[in-house]
Amino acid sequence: MIEIPSDLHPDLVPLAFLLGSWQGAGVAALDGRDGPGSDKCNFGQEVTFSHDGRDFLAYVSHTWQLDEQGEKVRPLETESGFWRIDSERKVEVVMIRDQGVAEVWYGELADQKPQIDLATDAVARTASAPEYSGGKRLYGYVNGDLMWVGERSAPGVPLQPYMSAQLKKAVDLREVAKDLSEREGDLPDDGIAFFK
């Protein structure tokens, strides 16, 4: 179920499905011996979309490589940015990545479904950043999960898939604790009583 916070800026209501903390896993293409995307790995991801009442969502994503047992091996990428939407459902995103890349993305929220299709409009790189010339991303809210797929291109390398993930909404323990404290008189002293 999609909840719309009472203090959410009215312009952001169409993006409310993104709000919250998300965790999950996916598959990433790494730059391998045979060129970009020739090696693959599983990765874990934590994403947060938050708001402070103004007309944008704040976005932070952390990814890390996973081993065959699902344990963290090493960080892959961190990115952060800001998402906006206008009255015609046009979405704009500015994003910074820890690899030395700054991007401006434009796209659109699909009609009648929570799905956003984005493409880069501008890319700036530091001298030490990997070669990268643009990308596309598709985000969608599917059966309560946030799913996304990304494509990227580099000079001499056409647009190709490089990451995709399925993320589940993370439980905010502060909200659970608050709910429990508000129901204090309704809770049994002995937890076993819940099962009787």
N, C-alpha and C. Protein backbone atom coordinates (compact mmCIF):
# COMPACT_ATOMS: atom_id res chain seq x y z
N MET A 1 0.84 -1.17 0.00
CA MET A 1 0.00 0.00 0.00
C MET A 1 0.89 1.24 0.00
N ILE A 2 0.53 2.22 -0.81
CA ILE A 2 1.28 3.46 -0.90
C ILE A 2 0.66 4.46 0.07
N GLU A 3 1.49 4.97 0.98
CA GLU A 3 1.03 5.97 1.94
C GLU A 3 1.52 7.33 1.50
N ILE A 4 0.68 8.34 1.66
CA ILE A 4 1.06 9.70 1.30
C ILE A 4 1.16 10.51 2.59
N PRO A 5 2.37 10.90 3.00
CA PRO A 5 2.53 11.68 4.23
C PRO A 5 1.78 13.01 4.15
N SER A 6 1.22 13.44 5.26
CA SER A 6 0.43 14.68 5.27
C SER A 6 1.29 15.90 4.98
N ASP A 7 2.59 15.83 5.27
CA ASP A 7 3.46 16.99 5.03
C ASP A 7 4.22 16.90 3.70
N LEU A 8 3.84 15.96 2.84
CA LEU A 8 4.47 15.84 1.53
C LEU A 8 4.04 17.01 0.65
N HIS A 9 4.99 17.65 -0.03
CA HIS A 9 4.66 18.74 -0.94
C HIS A 9 3.66 18.21 -1.97
N PRO A 10 2.58 18.96 -2.26
CA PRO A 10 1.54 18.46 -3.17
C PRO A 10 2.06 18.04 -4.54
N ASP A 11 3.10 18.71 -5.05
CA ASP A 11 3.65 18.35 -6.36
C ASP A 11 4.22 16.93 -6.38
N LEU A 12 4.62 16.42 -5.19
CA LEU A 12 5.31 15.13 -5.12
C LEU A 12 4.39 13.93 -4.93
N VAL A 13 3.10 14.17 -4.80
CA VAL A 13 2.17 13.06 -4.57
C VAL A 13 2.34 11.95 -5.61
N PRO A 14 2.51 12.25 -6.91
CA PRO A 14 2.69 11.16 -7.88
C PRO A 14 3.95 10.30 -7.63
N LEU A 15 4.92 10.84 -6.89
CA LEU A 15 6.15 10.10 -6.60
C LEU A 15 6.13 9.45 -5.22
N ALA A 16 5.00 9.50 -4.52
CA ALA A 16 4.93 8.97 -3.15
C ALA A 16 5.30 7.49 -3.07
N PHE A 17 5.10 6.74 -4.15
CA PHE A 17 5.44 5.31 -4.13
C PHE A 17 6.93 5.07 -3.91
N LEU A 18 7.77 6.07 -4.17
CA LEU A 18 9.22 5.92 -3.97
C LEU A 18 9.64 6.11 -2.51
N LEU A 19 8.84 6.82 -1.73
CA LEU A 19 9.25 7.21 -0.38
C LEU A 19 9.57 6.02 0.52
N GLY A 20 10.60 6.20 1.33
CA GLY A 20 10.97 5.20 2.32
C GLY A 20 12.35 4.64 2.09
N SER A 21 12.68 3.66 2.89
CA SER A 21 13.95 2.95 2.76
C SER A 21 13.69 1.59 2.14
N TRP A 22 14.52 1.24 1.20
CA TRP A 22 14.38 0.01 0.43
C TRP A 22 15.67 -0.78 0.51
N GLN A 23 15.55 -2.11 0.56
CA GLN A 23 16.73 -2.99 0.58
C GLN A 23 16.47 -4.17 -0.33
N GLY A 24 17.53 -4.63 -0.97
CA GLY A 24 17.37 -5.78 -1.83
C GLY A 24 18.66 -6.15 -2.52
N ALA A 25 18.51 -6.85 -3.62
CA ALA A 25 19.68 -7.36 -4.34
C ALA A 25 19.41 -7.37 -5.83
N GLY A 26 20.49 -7.50 -6.58
CA GLY A 26 20.36 -7.54 -8.02
C GLY A 26 21.62 -8.08 -8.67
N VAL A 27 21.72 -7.83 -9.96
CA VAL A 27 22.87 -8.29 -10.75
C VAL A 27 23.51 -7.07 -11.39
N ALA A 28 24.84 -7.00 -11.33
CA ALA A 28 25.58 -5.89 -11.91
C ALA A 28 26.60 -6.42 -12.90
N ALA A 29 26.80 -5.66 -13.96
CA ALA A 29 27.85 -5.97 -14.93
C ALA A 29 29.09 -5.18 -14.53
N LEU A 30 30.20 -5.88 -14.43
CA LEU A 30 31.47 -5.24 -14.07
C LEU A 30 32.33 -5.11 -15.31
N ASP A 31 33.29 -4.23 -15.25
CA ASP A 31 34.26 -4.14 -16.34
C ASP A 31 35.24 -5.29 -16.19
N GLY A 32 35.20 -6.21 -17.14
CA GLY A 32 36.03 -7.41 -17.04
C GLY A 32 37.12 -7.45 -18.08
N ARG A 33 37.75 -8.61 -18.18
CA ARG A 33 38.87 -8.80 -19.11
C ARG A 33 38.45 -8.59 -20.55
N ASP A 34 37.20 -8.89 -20.88
CA ASP A 34 36.73 -8.78 -22.26
C ASP A 34 35.96 -7.49 -22.52
N GLY A 35 36.12 -6.49 -21.66
CA GLY A 35 35.49 -5.20 -21.87
C GLY A 35 34.38 -4.93 -20.89
N PRO A 36 33.80 -3.71 -20.94
CA PRO A 36 32.76 -3.32 -20.00
C PRO A 36 31.57 -4.28 -20.04
N GLY A 37 31.14 -4.71 -18.87
CA GLY A 37 29.96 -5.55 -18.77
C GLY A 37 30.19 -7.02 -19.04
N SER A 38 31.46 -7.43 -19.24
CA SER A 38 31.70 -8.83 -19.57
C SER A 38 31.68 -9.73 -18.34
N ASP A 39 31.90 -9.18 -17.16
CA ASP A 39 31.81 -9.94 -15.92
C ASP A 39 30.58 -9.48 -15.16
N LYS A 40 29.95 -10.40 -14.42
CA LYS A 40 28.76 -10.06 -13.66
C LYS A 40 28.96 -10.45 -12.20
N CYS A 41 28.22 -9.78 -11.32
CA CYS A 41 28.24 -10.14 -9.90
C CYS A 41 26.86 -9.85 -9.32
N ASN A 42 26.56 -10.48 -8.22
CA ASN A 42 25.37 -10.15 -7.45
C ASN A 42 25.73 -8.97 -6.55
N PHE A 43 24.77 -8.09 -6.32
CA PHE A 43 25.04 -6.96 -5.44
C PHE A 43 23.86 -6.73 -4.52
N GLY A 44 24.15 -6.13 -3.38
CA GLY A 44 23.12 -5.70 -2.45
C GLY A 44 22.95 -4.20 -2.57
N GLN A 45 21.78 -3.71 -2.19
CA GLN A 45 21.52 -2.28 -2.32
C GLN A 45 20.61 -1.79 -1.21
N GLU A 46 20.89 -0.60 -0.74
CA GLU A 46 20.02 0.13 0.17
C GLU A 46 19.74 1.48 -0.48
N VAL A 47 18.47 1.83 -0.59
CA VAL A 47 18.04 3.08 -1.21
C VAL A 47 17.09 3.79 -0.26
N THR A 48 17.24 5.11 -0.16
CA THR A 48 16.31 5.90 0.63
C THR A 48 15.81 7.07 -0.20
N PHE A 49 14.50 7.23 -0.25
CA PHE A 49 13.86 8.41 -0.80
C PHE A 49 13.17 9.11 0.37
N SER A 50 13.52 10.36 0.61
CA SER A 50 12.93 11.09 1.74
C SER A 50 12.51 12.49 1.27
N HIS A 51 11.80 13.21 2.15
CA HIS A 51 11.36 14.56 1.82
C HIS A 51 11.39 15.40 3.08
N ASP A 52 11.43 16.71 2.88
CA ASP A 52 11.39 17.62 4.03
C ASP A 52 10.31 18.69 3.87
N GLY A 53 9.33 18.41 3.02
CA GLY A 53 8.24 19.34 2.80
C GLY A 53 8.43 20.24 1.59
N ARG A 54 9.66 20.31 1.07
CA ARG A 54 9.89 21.11 -0.14
C ARG A 54 9.52 20.28 -1.37
N ASP A 55 9.71 20.84 -2.56
CA ASP A 55 9.19 20.23 -3.79
C ASP A 55 10.17 19.24 -4.45
N PHE A 56 10.92 18.49 -3.66
CA PHE A 56 11.81 17.47 -4.21
C PHE A 56 11.94 16.31 -3.23
N LEU A 57 12.30 15.15 -3.77
CA LEU A 57 12.67 14.00 -2.95
C LEU A 57 14.19 13.93 -2.90
N ALA A 58 14.74 13.68 -1.72
CA ALA A 58 16.17 13.42 -1.59
C ALA A 58 16.39 11.93 -1.78
N TYR A 59 17.47 11.59 -2.47
CA TYR A 59 17.74 10.19 -2.85
C TYR A 59 19.17 9.83 -2.47
N VAL A 60 19.35 8.66 -1.86
CA VAL A 60 20.67 8.12 -1.55
C VAL A 60 20.64 6.62 -1.83
N SER A 61 21.68 6.14 -2.50
CA SER A 61 21.80 4.70 -2.80
C SER A 61 23.21 4.22 -2.49
N HIS A 62 23.29 3.09 -1.82
CA HIS A 62 24.57 2.41 -1.57
C HIS A 62 24.47 1.00 -2.15
N THR A 63 25.48 0.58 -2.90
CA THR A 63 25.53 -0.79 -3.41
C THR A 63 26.86 -1.42 -3.04
N TRP A 64 26.84 -2.75 -2.93
CA TRP A 64 28.05 -3.49 -2.62
C TRP A 64 27.98 -4.86 -3.27
N GLN A 65 29.14 -5.37 -3.63
CA GLN A 65 29.22 -6.70 -4.24
C GLN A 65 28.95 -7.75 -3.17
N LEU A 66 28.24 -8.81 -3.57
CA LEU A 66 27.94 -9.92 -2.67
C LEU A 66 28.69 -11.17 -3.13
N ASP A 67 29.10 -12.00 -2.18
CA ASP A 67 29.70 -13.28 -2.55
C ASP A 67 28.59 -14.31 -2.76
N GLU A 68 28.96 -15.55 -3.01
CA GLU A 68 27.97 -16.59 -3.31
C GLU A 68 27.06 -16.90 -2.13
N GLN A 69 27.49 -16.55 -0.90
CA GLN A 69 26.66 -16.76 0.28
C GLN A 69 25.81 -15.53 0.62
N GLY A 70 25.93 -14.48 -0.20
CA GLY A 70 25.16 -13.27 0.05
C GLY A 70 25.81 -12.32 1.03
N GLU A 71 27.07 -12.53 1.36
CA GLU A 71 27.80 -11.65 2.28
C GLU A 71 28.45 -10.51 1.50
N LYS A 72 28.56 -9.35 2.16
CA LYS A 72 29.19 -8.19 1.54
C LYS A 72 30.67 -8.46 1.27
N VAL A 73 31.12 -8.17 0.05
CA VAL A 73 32.51 -8.33 -0.33
C VAL A 73 33.22 -6.98 -0.34
N ARG A 74 32.63 -6.02 -1.07
CA ARG A 74 33.23 -4.69 -1.17
C ARG A 74 32.17 -3.71 -1.67
N PRO A 75 32.35 -2.42 -1.37
CA PRO A 75 31.42 -1.43 -1.90
C PRO A 75 31.53 -1.34 -3.42
N LEU A 76 30.40 -1.09 -4.09
CA LEU A 76 30.41 -0.86 -5.53
C LEU A 76 30.27 0.62 -5.85
N GLU A 77 29.16 1.22 -5.39
CA GLU A 77 28.88 2.59 -5.80
C GLU A 77 27.94 3.25 -4.81
N THR A 78 28.14 4.53 -4.59
CA THR A 78 27.23 5.34 -3.80
C THR A 78 26.80 6.51 -4.68
N GLU A 79 25.50 6.80 -4.68
CA GLU A 79 25.02 7.95 -5.42
C GLU A 79 23.97 8.67 -4.60
N SER A 80 23.86 9.97 -4.83
CA SER A 80 22.84 10.76 -4.13
C SER A 80 22.33 11.83 -5.08
N GLY A 81 21.14 12.32 -4.78
CA GLY A 81 20.59 13.33 -5.67
C GLY A 81 19.22 13.80 -5.22
N PHE A 82 18.55 14.48 -6.15
CA PHE A 82 17.24 15.08 -5.89
C PHE A 82 16.32 14.83 -7.07
N TRP A 83 15.07 14.46 -6.76
CA TRP A 83 14.07 14.14 -7.77
C TRP A 83 12.93 15.15 -7.68
N ARG A 84 12.49 15.63 -8.85
CA ARG A 84 11.34 16.53 -8.94
C ARG A 84 10.39 16.03 -10.03
N ILE A 85 9.14 16.50 -9.95
CA ILE A 85 8.15 16.18 -10.99
C ILE A 85 7.30 17.42 -11.21
N ASP A 86 6.90 17.65 -12.47
CA ASP A 86 6.05 18.80 -12.75
C ASP A 86 4.60 18.36 -12.98
N SER A 87 3.74 19.31 -13.29
CA SER A 87 2.31 19.02 -13.43
C SER A 87 2.00 18.16 -14.65
N GLU A 88 2.94 18.04 -15.58
CA GLU A 88 2.75 17.19 -16.76
C GLU A 88 3.42 15.83 -16.60
N ARG A 89 3.78 15.49 -15.37
CA ARG A 89 4.37 14.19 -15.02
C ARG A 89 5.79 14.03 -15.55
N LYS A 90 6.45 15.13 -15.90
CA LYS A 90 7.85 15.10 -16.32
C LYS A 90 8.72 15.07 -15.08
N VAL A 91 9.68 14.15 -15.07
CA VAL A 91 10.54 13.95 -13.91
C VAL A 91 11.95 14.44 -14.25
N GLU A 92 12.56 15.14 -13.29
CA GLU A 92 13.96 15.55 -13.46
C GLU A 92 14.74 15.13 -12.23
N VAL A 93 15.95 14.66 -12.47
CA VAL A 93 16.81 14.16 -11.39
C VAL A 93 18.20 14.73 -11.59
N VAL A 94 18.79 15.21 -10.51
CA VAL A 94 20.22 15.52 -10.52
C VAL A 94 20.88 14.52 -9.59
N MET A 95 22.01 13.96 -10.03
CA MET A 95 22.63 12.87 -9.28
C MET A 95 24.15 13.01 -9.30
N ILE A 96 24.77 12.69 -8.18
CA ILE A 96 26.22 12.66 -8.05
C ILE A 96 26.62 11.26 -7.64
N ARG A 97 27.64 10.73 -8.29
CA ARG A 97 28.15 9.40 -7.93
C ARG A 97 29.56 9.51 -7.37
N ASP A 98 29.89 8.61 -6.45
CA ASP A 98 31.20 8.65 -5.80
C ASP A 98 32.35 8.40 -6.75
N GLN A 99 32.08 7.95 -7.95
CA GLN A 99 33.14 7.69 -8.93
C GLN A 99 33.57 8.96 -9.66
N GLY A 100 32.99 10.11 -9.28
CA GLY A 100 33.36 11.35 -9.93
C GLY A 100 32.48 11.72 -11.10
N VAL A 101 31.21 11.33 -11.05
CA VAL A 101 30.27 11.60 -12.14
C VAL A 101 29.08 12.40 -11.59
N ALA A 102 28.71 13.46 -12.34
CA ALA A 102 27.50 14.24 -12.05
C ALA A 102 26.59 14.11 -13.26
N GLU A 103 25.29 13.90 -13.01
CA GLU A 103 24.35 13.66 -14.10
C GLU A 103 23.07 14.47 -13.93
N VAL A 104 22.47 14.84 -15.04
CA VAL A 104 21.12 15.38 -15.07
C VAL A 104 20.29 14.39 -15.88
N TRP A 105 19.20 13.93 -15.28
CA TRP A 105 18.32 12.95 -15.90
C TRP A 105 16.95 13.59 -16.14
N TYR A 106 16.32 13.25 -17.25
CA TYR A 106 14.95 13.66 -17.53
C TYR A 106 14.15 12.43 -17.92
N GLY A 107 12.87 12.47 -17.59
CA GLY A 107 12.02 11.35 -17.95
C GLY A 107 10.57 11.67 -17.66
N GLU A 108 9.81 10.60 -17.52
CA GLU A 108 8.37 10.77 -17.37
C GLU A 108 7.79 9.67 -16.51
N LEU A 109 6.82 10.04 -15.70
CA LEU A 109 6.04 9.08 -14.93
C LEU A 109 4.96 8.54 -15.85
N ALA A 110 4.88 7.23 -15.97
CA ALA A 110 3.90 6.61 -16.86
C ALA A 110 2.48 6.98 -16.44
N ASP A 111 1.58 6.95 -17.39
CA ASP A 111 0.18 7.24 -17.13
C ASP A 111 -0.47 6.01 -16.49
N GLN A 112 -1.14 6.20 -15.39
CA GLN A 112 -1.93 5.17 -14.71
C GLN A 112 -1.10 4.05 -14.07
N LYS A 113 0.23 4.20 -13.96
CA LYS A 113 1.00 3.20 -13.23
C LYS A 113 2.26 3.84 -12.66
N PRO A 114 2.74 3.33 -11.52
CA PRO A 114 3.92 3.89 -10.87
C PRO A 114 5.22 3.39 -11.54
N GLN A 115 5.54 4.00 -12.65
CA GLN A 115 6.73 3.60 -13.41
C GLN A 115 7.37 4.86 -13.99
N ILE A 116 8.68 4.99 -13.84
CA ILE A 116 9.42 6.16 -14.31
C ILE A 116 10.51 5.71 -15.28
N ASP A 117 10.52 6.32 -16.44
CA ASP A 117 11.54 6.06 -17.46
C ASP A 117 12.43 7.30 -17.54
N LEU A 118 13.74 7.15 -17.29
CA LEU A 118 14.67 8.27 -17.27
C LEU A 118 15.80 8.06 -18.28
N ALA A 119 16.34 9.17 -18.78
CA ALA A 119 17.54 9.14 -19.62
C ALA A 119 18.40 10.34 -19.26
N THR A 120 19.72 10.18 -19.37
CA THR A 120 20.60 11.29 -19.06
C THR A 120 20.49 12.37 -20.13
N ASP A 121 20.56 13.61 -19.67
CA ASP A 121 20.58 14.76 -20.55
C ASP A 121 21.96 15.39 -20.56
N ALA A 122 22.64 15.33 -19.42
CA ALA A 122 23.99 15.89 -19.29
C ALA A 122 24.80 15.02 -18.34
N VAL A 123 26.08 14.85 -18.68
CA VAL A 123 27.00 14.08 -17.85
C VAL A 123 28.30 14.87 -17.73
N ALA A 124 28.79 15.02 -16.50
CA ALA A 124 30.09 15.64 -16.27
C ALA A 124 30.93 14.64 -15.47
N ARG A 125 32.21 14.51 -15.84
CA ARG A 125 33.09 13.56 -15.16
C ARG A 125 34.37 14.25 -14.73
N THR A 126 34.91 13.79 -13.59
CA THR A 126 36.24 14.24 -13.21
C THR A 126 37.26 13.48 -14.04
N ALA A 127 38.50 13.93 -14.01
CA ALA A 127 39.55 13.28 -14.80
C ALA A 127 39.77 11.83 -14.38
N SER A 128 39.53 11.51 -13.12
CA SER A 128 39.77 10.15 -12.64
C SER A 128 38.55 9.23 -12.78
N ALA A 129 37.42 9.75 -13.22
CA ALA A 129 36.19 8.95 -13.34
C ALA A 129 36.30 7.97 -14.49
N PRO A 130 35.62 6.82 -14.39
CA PRO A 130 35.60 5.88 -15.50
C PRO A 130 34.91 6.50 -16.72
N GLU A 131 35.21 6.00 -17.90
CA GLU A 131 34.56 6.51 -19.11
C GLU A 131 33.08 6.21 -19.04
N TYR A 132 32.29 7.22 -19.33
CA TYR A 132 30.84 7.11 -19.25
C TYR A 132 30.25 8.28 -20.03
N SER A 133 29.30 7.99 -20.91
CA SER A 133 28.73 9.08 -21.69
C SER A 133 27.22 9.24 -21.53
N GLY A 134 26.53 8.29 -20.91
CA GLY A 134 25.10 8.45 -20.70
C GLY A 134 24.44 7.17 -20.25
N GLY A 135 23.16 7.30 -19.91
CA GLY A 135 22.45 6.12 -19.44
C GLY A 135 20.94 6.27 -19.51
N LYS A 136 20.28 5.16 -19.24
CA LYS A 136 18.83 5.09 -19.13
C LYS A 136 18.51 4.28 -17.88
N ARG A 137 17.41 4.61 -17.24
CA ARG A 137 16.94 3.83 -16.10
C ARG A 137 15.42 3.74 -16.15
N LEU A 138 14.93 2.62 -15.67
CA LEU A 138 13.50 2.40 -15.54
C LEU A 138 13.25 1.97 -14.10
N TYR A 139 12.39 2.70 -13.40
CA TYR A 139 12.00 2.37 -12.03
C TYR A 139 10.52 2.03 -12.03
N GLY A 140 10.13 1.03 -11.25
CA GLY A 140 8.73 0.69 -11.16
C GLY A 140 8.36 0.11 -9.81
N TYR A 141 7.15 0.38 -9.39
CA TYR A 141 6.59 -0.16 -8.16
C TYR A 141 5.73 -1.34 -8.58
N VAL A 142 6.20 -2.56 -8.26
CA VAL A 142 5.55 -3.78 -8.73
C VAL A 142 5.25 -4.68 -7.53
N ASN A 143 3.97 -4.91 -7.28
CA ASN A 143 3.53 -5.78 -6.17
C ASN A 143 4.20 -5.41 -4.85
N GLY A 144 4.31 -4.13 -4.57
CA GLY A 144 4.88 -3.65 -3.31
C GLY A 144 6.38 -3.55 -3.29
N ASP A 145 7.06 -3.96 -4.35
CA ASP A 145 8.52 -3.88 -4.43
C ASP A 145 8.92 -2.75 -5.37
N LEU A 146 10.09 -2.19 -5.13
CA LEU A 146 10.66 -1.21 -6.04
C LEU A 146 11.67 -1.94 -6.91
N MET A 147 11.45 -1.93 -8.21
CA MET A 147 12.33 -2.61 -9.14
C MET A 147 12.94 -1.57 -10.08
N TRP A 148 14.17 -1.82 -10.48
CA TRP A 148 14.79 -0.89 -11.42
C TRP A 148 15.81 -1.62 -12.28
N VAL A 149 16.03 -1.05 -13.47
CA VAL A 149 17.05 -1.56 -14.38
C VAL A 149 17.76 -0.36 -14.96
N GLY A 150 19.09 -0.47 -15.10
CA GLY A 150 19.88 0.63 -15.64
C GLY A 150 20.70 0.19 -16.84
N GLU A 151 20.85 1.11 -17.79
CA GLU A 151 21.70 0.89 -18.95
C GLU A 151 22.71 2.04 -18.98
N ARG A 152 23.88 1.79 -19.56
CA ARG A 152 24.88 2.85 -19.68
C ARG A 152 25.63 2.71 -20.99
N SER A 153 26.23 3.83 -21.40
CA SER A 153 27.08 3.83 -22.58
C SER A 153 28.37 4.56 -22.25
N ALA A 154 29.37 4.29 -23.03
CA ALA A 154 30.68 4.93 -22.90
C ALA A 154 31.17 5.22 -24.31
N PRO A 155 32.17 6.08 -24.46
CA PRO A 155 32.69 6.33 -25.79
C PRO A 155 33.07 5.02 -26.49
N GLY A 156 32.49 4.78 -27.64
CA GLY A 156 32.77 3.55 -28.39
C GLY A 156 32.00 2.34 -27.92
N VAL A 157 31.20 2.47 -26.85
CA VAL A 157 30.42 1.34 -26.31
C VAL A 157 28.95 1.76 -26.31
N PRO A 158 28.11 1.05 -27.08
CA PRO A 158 26.69 1.43 -27.13
C PRO A 158 25.98 1.18 -25.80
N LEU A 159 24.80 1.76 -25.68
CA LEU A 159 23.97 1.58 -24.49
C LEU A 159 23.76 0.09 -24.23
N GLN A 160 24.03 -0.36 -22.98
CA GLN A 160 23.85 -1.76 -22.63
C GLN A 160 23.47 -1.87 -21.16
N PRO A 161 22.70 -2.93 -20.78
CA PRO A 161 22.31 -3.11 -19.38
C PRO A 161 23.55 -3.27 -18.49
N TYR A 162 23.49 -2.65 -17.30
CA TYR A 162 24.61 -2.81 -16.36
C TYR A 162 24.18 -3.13 -14.94
N MET A 163 22.96 -2.82 -14.55
CA MET A 163 22.49 -3.14 -13.20
C MET A 163 20.98 -3.29 -13.21
N SER A 164 20.48 -4.20 -12.38
CA SER A 164 19.05 -4.29 -12.13
C SER A 164 18.87 -4.87 -10.74
N ALA A 165 17.79 -4.45 -10.07
CA ALA A 165 17.58 -4.92 -8.69
C ALA A 165 16.10 -4.95 -8.36
N GLN A 166 15.79 -5.76 -7.36
CA GLN A 166 14.46 -5.82 -6.77
C GLN A 166 14.63 -5.47 -5.30
N LEU A 167 13.94 -4.42 -4.86
CA LEU A 167 14.09 -3.90 -3.50
C LEU A 167 12.78 -4.01 -2.74
N LYS A 168 12.89 -4.37 -1.48
CA LYS A 168 11.73 -4.47 -0.60
C LYS A 168 11.75 -3.31 0.38
N LYS A 169 10.57 -2.87 0.78
CA LYS A 169 10.45 -1.78 1.74
C LYS A 169 11.04 -2.24 3.07
N ALA A 170 11.94 -1.44 3.62
CA ALA A 170 12.56 -1.76 4.90
C ALA A 170 11.66 -1.28 6.03
N VAL A 171 11.65 -2.02 7.10
CA VAL A 171 10.86 -1.66 8.27
C VAL A 171 11.61 -0.59 9.05
N ASP A 172 10.93 0.49 9.40
CA ASP A 172 11.51 1.53 10.23
C ASP A 172 11.25 1.16 11.69
N LEU A 173 12.29 0.73 12.39
CA LEU A 173 12.13 0.28 13.77
C LEU A 173 11.64 1.38 14.69
N ARG A 174 11.92 2.64 14.37
CA ARG A 174 11.41 3.74 15.20
C ARG A 174 9.89 3.78 15.15
N GLU A 175 9.31 3.52 13.96
CA GLU A 175 7.85 3.51 13.84
C GLU A 175 7.25 2.33 14.59
N VAL A 176 7.91 1.17 14.53
CA VAL A 176 7.42 -0.01 15.25
C VAL A 176 7.45 0.27 16.75
N ALA A 177 8.56 0.84 17.24
CA ALA A 177 8.68 1.15 18.67
C ALA A 177 7.64 2.18 19.09
N LYS A 178 7.41 3.19 18.25
CA LYS A 178 6.41 4.21 18.56
C LYS A 178 5.03 3.57 18.63
N ASP A 179 4.72 2.70 17.69
CA ASP A 179 3.43 2.02 17.68
C ASP A 179 3.25 1.18 18.94
N LEU A 180 4.30 0.48 19.34
CA LEU A 180 4.21 -0.34 20.56
C LEU A 180 4.01 0.52 21.79
N SER A 181 4.72 1.66 21.87
CA SER A 181 4.59 2.51 23.05
C SER A 181 3.20 3.13 23.12
N GLU A 182 2.59 3.41 21.97
CA GLU A 182 1.24 3.97 21.95
C GLU A 182 0.20 2.94 22.36
N ARG A 183 0.51 1.67 22.18
CA ARG A 183 -0.43 0.60 22.52
C ARG A 183 -0.07 -0.05 23.86
N GLU A 184 0.75 0.60 24.66
CA GLU A 184 1.30 0.01 25.87
C GLU A 184 0.24 -0.66 26.75
N GLY A 185 -0.89 -0.01 26.97
CA GLY A 185 -1.92 -0.59 27.82
C GLY A 185 -2.58 -1.82 27.21
N ASP A 186 -2.48 -1.96 25.88
CA ASP A 186 -3.11 -3.08 25.18
C ASP A 186 -2.22 -4.31 25.11
N LEU A 187 -0.94 -4.15 25.47
CA LEU A 187 0.01 -5.25 25.32
C LEU A 187 0.08 -6.08 26.60
N PRO A 188 0.19 -7.38 26.46
CA PRO A 188 0.32 -8.23 27.65
C PRO A 188 1.71 -8.06 28.26
N ASP A 189 1.82 -8.26 29.59
CA ASP A 189 3.11 -8.16 30.27
C ASP A 189 4.03 -9.29 29.82
N ASP A 190 3.46 -10.41 29.48
CA ASP A 190 4.22 -11.58 29.09
C ASP A 190 4.01 -11.81 27.59
N GLY A 191 5.07 -11.76 26.81
CA GLY A 191 4.96 -11.92 25.37
C GLY A 191 4.31 -13.22 24.96
N ILE A 192 4.39 -14.24 25.80
CA ILE A 192 3.80 -15.54 25.48
C ILE A 192 2.28 -15.42 25.35
N ALA A 193 1.71 -14.42 26.03
CA ALA A 193 0.25 -14.25 25.99
C ALA A 193 -0.23 -13.96 24.56
N PHE A 194 0.66 -13.45 23.69
CA PHE A 194 0.25 -13.20 22.32
C PHE A 194 -0.17 -14.50 21.64
N PHE A 195 0.41 -15.61 22.04
CA PHE A 195 0.20 -16.89 21.36
C PHE A 195 -0.87 -17.74 22.01
N LYS A 196 -1.50 -17.24 23.06
CA LYS A 196 -2.54 -18.02 23.75
C LYS A 196 -3.89 -17.73 23.16
